[in-house]
Amino acid sequence: MTLRIIPATLRDLSYIAANLRPEDRAEIDCQFDEWSPALLALTALQGFAYVAELDGNPEAGFGAAEQRSGLRRMRRCVPGITEFFHAVLGPEVAARGAWRVEARALAANQLALRWLARLGAMQRCRLPGYGRNGEDFLLYDWTRASHFGENHVPFSKAAGAEAVATDTDHCRQGRAGARSRLAGPACGQ
């Protein structure tokens, strides 16, 4: 099987969104009042967007987006996506000057939670009632060395299903409104 990481297209992301695994669909359903595969794909294209293609078929979409402004064979794509995050996406996000990368996952999505933990993400807090129907989410992050001298996982290792760059307003809260994109707001908003 040949895995390629390629820039995302509306067509590929729409196909992926139309064929989500049940646990991924549940995660999307509880964050949006209404969505369609095309709308989800357009939302994902607002930042860095990539597709894991397995034998020429788009299987998984992933990427990162600035805070301010899963399919049947997904598991086979995870190692390649992880490697790509370490080699390409993390450095791209860091080069933009981001101080923090966040990922949110449905608390019941054990696959996503295990992946984030293996990637070295720090679980920061539970987001009770964050989902549209009151589902709990967990917030994870990776941060660059801050002025407090805290060192966490370097950006070159930053990765996640829904990684987003934040701290662009110097308050570590970004500028996006609640649920204005897939990754959503930071804790406390």
Protein backbone atom coordinates (compact mmCIF):
# COMPACT_ATOMS: atom_id res chain seq x y z
CA MET A 1 0.00 0.00 0.00
CA THR A 2 1.28 3.42 -0.93
CA LEU A 3 0.67 6.33 1.44
CA ARG A 4 1.12 9.90 0.21
CA ILE A 5 0.57 13.14 2.09
CA ILE A 6 -0.69 15.74 -0.38
CA PRO A 7 -2.17 19.25 -0.17
CA ALA A 8 -5.90 19.03 0.48
CA THR A 9 -8.47 19.83 -2.18
CA LEU A 10 -12.16 20.58 -1.79
CA ARG A 11 -12.96 17.38 -3.65
CA ASP A 12 -10.80 15.14 -1.44
CA LEU A 13 -11.94 16.71 1.83
CA SER A 14 -15.59 16.54 0.78
CA TYR A 15 -15.18 12.83 0.03
CA ILE A 16 -13.52 12.23 3.39
CA ALA A 17 -16.22 14.21 5.24
CA ALA A 18 -18.96 12.23 3.47
CA ASN A 19 -17.39 8.95 4.64
CA LEU A 20 -16.47 9.66 8.26
CA ARG A 21 -16.10 6.87 10.80
CA PRO A 22 -18.96 6.88 13.35
CA GLU A 23 -16.74 8.23 16.17
CA ASP A 24 -15.46 11.06 13.96
CA ARG A 25 -18.98 11.90 12.77
CA ALA A 26 -20.10 12.10 16.42
CA GLU A 27 -17.26 14.52 17.14
CA ILE A 28 -18.27 16.77 14.23
CA ASP A 29 -22.02 16.48 14.88
CA CYS A 30 -21.71 17.81 18.40
CA GLN A 31 -19.71 20.87 17.34
CA PHE A 32 -21.95 22.17 14.54
CA ASP A 33 -25.65 22.90 14.45
CA GLU A 34 -25.68 22.06 10.75
CA TRP A 35 -22.93 20.86 8.44
CA SER A 36 -22.41 19.16 5.13
CA PRO A 37 -19.34 17.45 3.69
CA ALA A 38 -18.68 20.43 1.41
CA LEU A 39 -19.04 22.97 4.26
CA LEU A 40 -16.74 20.93 6.49
CA ALA A 41 -14.21 20.71 3.65
CA LEU A 42 -14.34 24.47 3.06
CA THR A 43 -13.83 25.08 6.77
CA ALA A 44 -10.80 22.80 6.82
CA LEU A 45 -9.26 24.59 3.82
CA GLN A 46 -8.97 27.84 5.82
CA GLY A 47 -5.57 26.87 7.22
CA PHE A 48 -2.87 24.34 6.47
CA ALA A 49 -4.82 21.40 5.04
CA TYR A 50 -3.49 18.03 3.94
CA VAL A 51 -4.85 14.65 2.91
CA ALA A 52 -3.47 11.20 3.58
CA GLU A 53 -3.98 9.30 0.36
CA LEU A 54 -3.77 5.51 0.47
CA ASP A 55 -3.33 3.82 -2.92
CA GLY A 56 -4.67 6.94 -4.64
CA ASN A 57 -7.78 7.19 -2.46
CA PRO A 58 -8.22 10.09 0.03
CA GLU A 59 -8.57 8.49 3.46
CA ALA A 60 -7.95 11.19 6.08
CA GLY A 61 -7.81 14.96 6.26
CA PHE A 62 -5.74 16.90 8.78
CA GLY A 63 -3.97 20.20 9.27
CA ALA A 64 -3.71 23.33 11.35
CA ALA A 65 -5.32 26.75 11.28
CA GLU A 66 -4.65 30.04 12.99
CA GLN A 67 -7.01 30.53 15.91
CA ARG A 68 -7.54 34.20 15.18
CA SER A 69 -8.68 34.85 11.91
CA GLY A 70 -11.63 9.61 9.27
CA LEU A 71 -12.32 6.84 7.22
CA ARG A 72 -12.26 3.01 7.22
CA ARG A 73 -8.49 2.77 6.65
CA MET A 74 -7.53 5.80 8.75
CA ARG A 75 -5.39 3.72 11.13
CA ARG A 76 -3.04 2.83 8.27
CA CYS A 77 -2.61 6.54 7.59
CA VAL A 78 -1.79 7.58 11.18
CA PRO A 79 1.97 6.77 11.05
CA GLY A 80 2.40 8.80 7.86
CA ILE A 81 0.30 11.68 9.18
CA THR A 82 2.32 11.67 12.41
CA GLU A 83 5.62 11.73 10.52
CA PHE A 84 4.35 14.56 8.32
CA PHE A 85 3.35 16.61 11.37
CA HIS A 86 6.82 16.21 12.85
CA ALA A 87 8.69 16.95 9.62
CA VAL A 88 6.51 19.55 7.88
CA LEU A 89 3.43 20.90 9.64
CA GLY A 90 5.01 21.57 13.06
CA PRO A 91 7.87 23.57 11.54
CA GLU A 92 5.43 25.48 9.28
CA VAL A 93 3.28 26.49 12.26
CA ALA A 94 6.37 27.45 14.31
CA ALA A 95 7.71 29.53 11.42
CA ARG A 96 4.54 31.62 11.62
CA GLY A 97 5.51 32.55 15.18
CA ALA A 98 2.80 30.64 17.04
CA TRP A 99 3.34 30.06 20.74
CA ARG A 100 0.76 27.36 21.23
CA VAL A 101 -0.85 24.51 19.32
CA GLU A 102 -4.13 23.11 20.60
CA ALA A 103 -6.17 20.04 19.82
CA ARG A 104 -9.65 19.22 21.04
CA ALA A 105 -11.17 15.76 21.06
CA LEU A 106 -14.48 14.33 22.12
CA ALA A 107 -13.88 12.86 25.58
CA ALA A 108 -15.48 9.60 24.43
CA ASN A 109 -13.21 9.28 21.36
CA GLN A 110 -10.58 6.99 22.87
CA LEU A 111 -8.72 6.59 19.56
CA ALA A 112 -8.11 10.33 19.29
CA LEU A 113 -7.18 10.66 22.98
CA ARG A 114 -4.61 7.85 22.78
CA TRP A 115 -3.09 9.36 19.64
CA LEU A 116 -2.75 12.79 21.21
CA ALA A 117 -1.10 11.27 24.30
CA ARG A 118 1.35 9.31 22.14
CA LEU A 119 2.20 12.50 20.27
CA GLY A 120 3.22 14.14 23.54
CA ALA A 121 0.29 16.52 23.85
CA MET A 122 -0.44 17.75 27.36
CA GLN A 123 -4.04 17.36 28.49
CA ARG A 124 -4.98 20.80 29.83
CA CYS A 125 -8.62 20.65 30.78
CA ARG A 126 -12.03 19.12 30.27
CA LEU A 127 -14.46 21.26 28.31
CA PRO A 128 -17.78 20.24 29.89
CA GLY A 129 -20.77 20.65 27.63
CA TYR A 130 -18.61 21.89 24.74
CA GLY A 131 -20.45 19.80 22.15
CA ARG A 132 -23.72 20.89 20.64
CA ASN A 133 -25.62 18.28 22.64
CA GLY A 134 -23.65 18.77 25.84
CA GLU A 135 -20.82 16.35 25.02
CA ASP A 136 -17.60 16.81 26.94
CA PHE A 137 -14.36 17.48 25.09
CA LEU A 138 -10.76 17.45 26.28
CA LEU A 139 -8.29 20.19 25.41
CA TYR A 140 -4.68 19.22 24.69
CA ASP A 141 -1.77 21.44 23.74
CA TRP A 142 1.88 21.79 22.85
CA THR A 143 3.66 25.08 23.66
CA ARG A 144 6.93 26.69 22.74
CA ALA A 145 9.19 27.86 25.58
CA SER A 146 7.34 30.78 27.17
CA HIS A 147 8.56 33.82 29.07
CA PHE A 148 7.82 31.78 32.22
CA GLY A 149 10.57 29.37 31.20
CA GLU A 150 8.19 26.46 30.75
CA ASN A 151 9.35 23.93 28.21
CA HIS A 152 6.94 21.48 26.68
CA VAL A 153 7.06 19.38 23.53
CA PRO A 154 8.90 21.33 20.81
CA PHE A 155 6.82 22.53 17.88
CA SER A 156 8.71 20.16 15.62
CA LYS A 157 6.88 17.41 17.49
CA ALA A 158 3.53 19.19 17.65
CA ALA A 159 0.77 17.20 16.02
CA GLY A 160 -2.88 16.37 16.48
CA ALA A 161 -6.06 15.54 14.59
CA GLU A 162 -7.22 19.13 15.00
CA ALA A 163 -4.07 21.11 15.81
CA VAL A 164 -4.48 24.87 15.73
CA ALA A 165 -2.03 27.71 16.26
CA THR A 166 -3.04 30.26 18.88
CA ASP A 167 -1.61 33.04 21.05
CA THR A 168 -1.65 35.45 18.16
CA ASP A 169 -3.23 38.11 20.34
CA HIS A 170 -0.61 37.63 23.10
CA CYS A 171 -3.30 36.43 25.51
CA ARG A 172 -3.20 32.77 24.49
CA GLN A 173 -6.85 32.92 23.57
CA GLY A 174 -6.74 33.68 19.86
CA ARG A 175 -9.40 35.78 18.22
CA ALA A 176 -11.94 33.25 16.99
CA GLY A 177 -15.44 33.20 18.37
CA ALA A 178 -17.03 30.15 19.92
CA ARG A 179 -17.25 27.24 17.51
CA SER A 180 -16.33 29.42 14.55
CA ARG A 181 -14.15 26.60 13.23
CA LEU A 182 -13.44 22.95 13.83
CA ALA A 183 -10.97 23.46 16.65
CA GLY A 184 -13.18 25.88 18.59
CA PRO A 185 -12.22 28.30 21.38
CA ALA A 186 -9.63 27.91 24.10
CA CYS A 187 -10.52 27.05 27.72
CA GLY A 188 -12.45 29.73 29.51
CA GLN A 189 -14.11 31.28 26.48
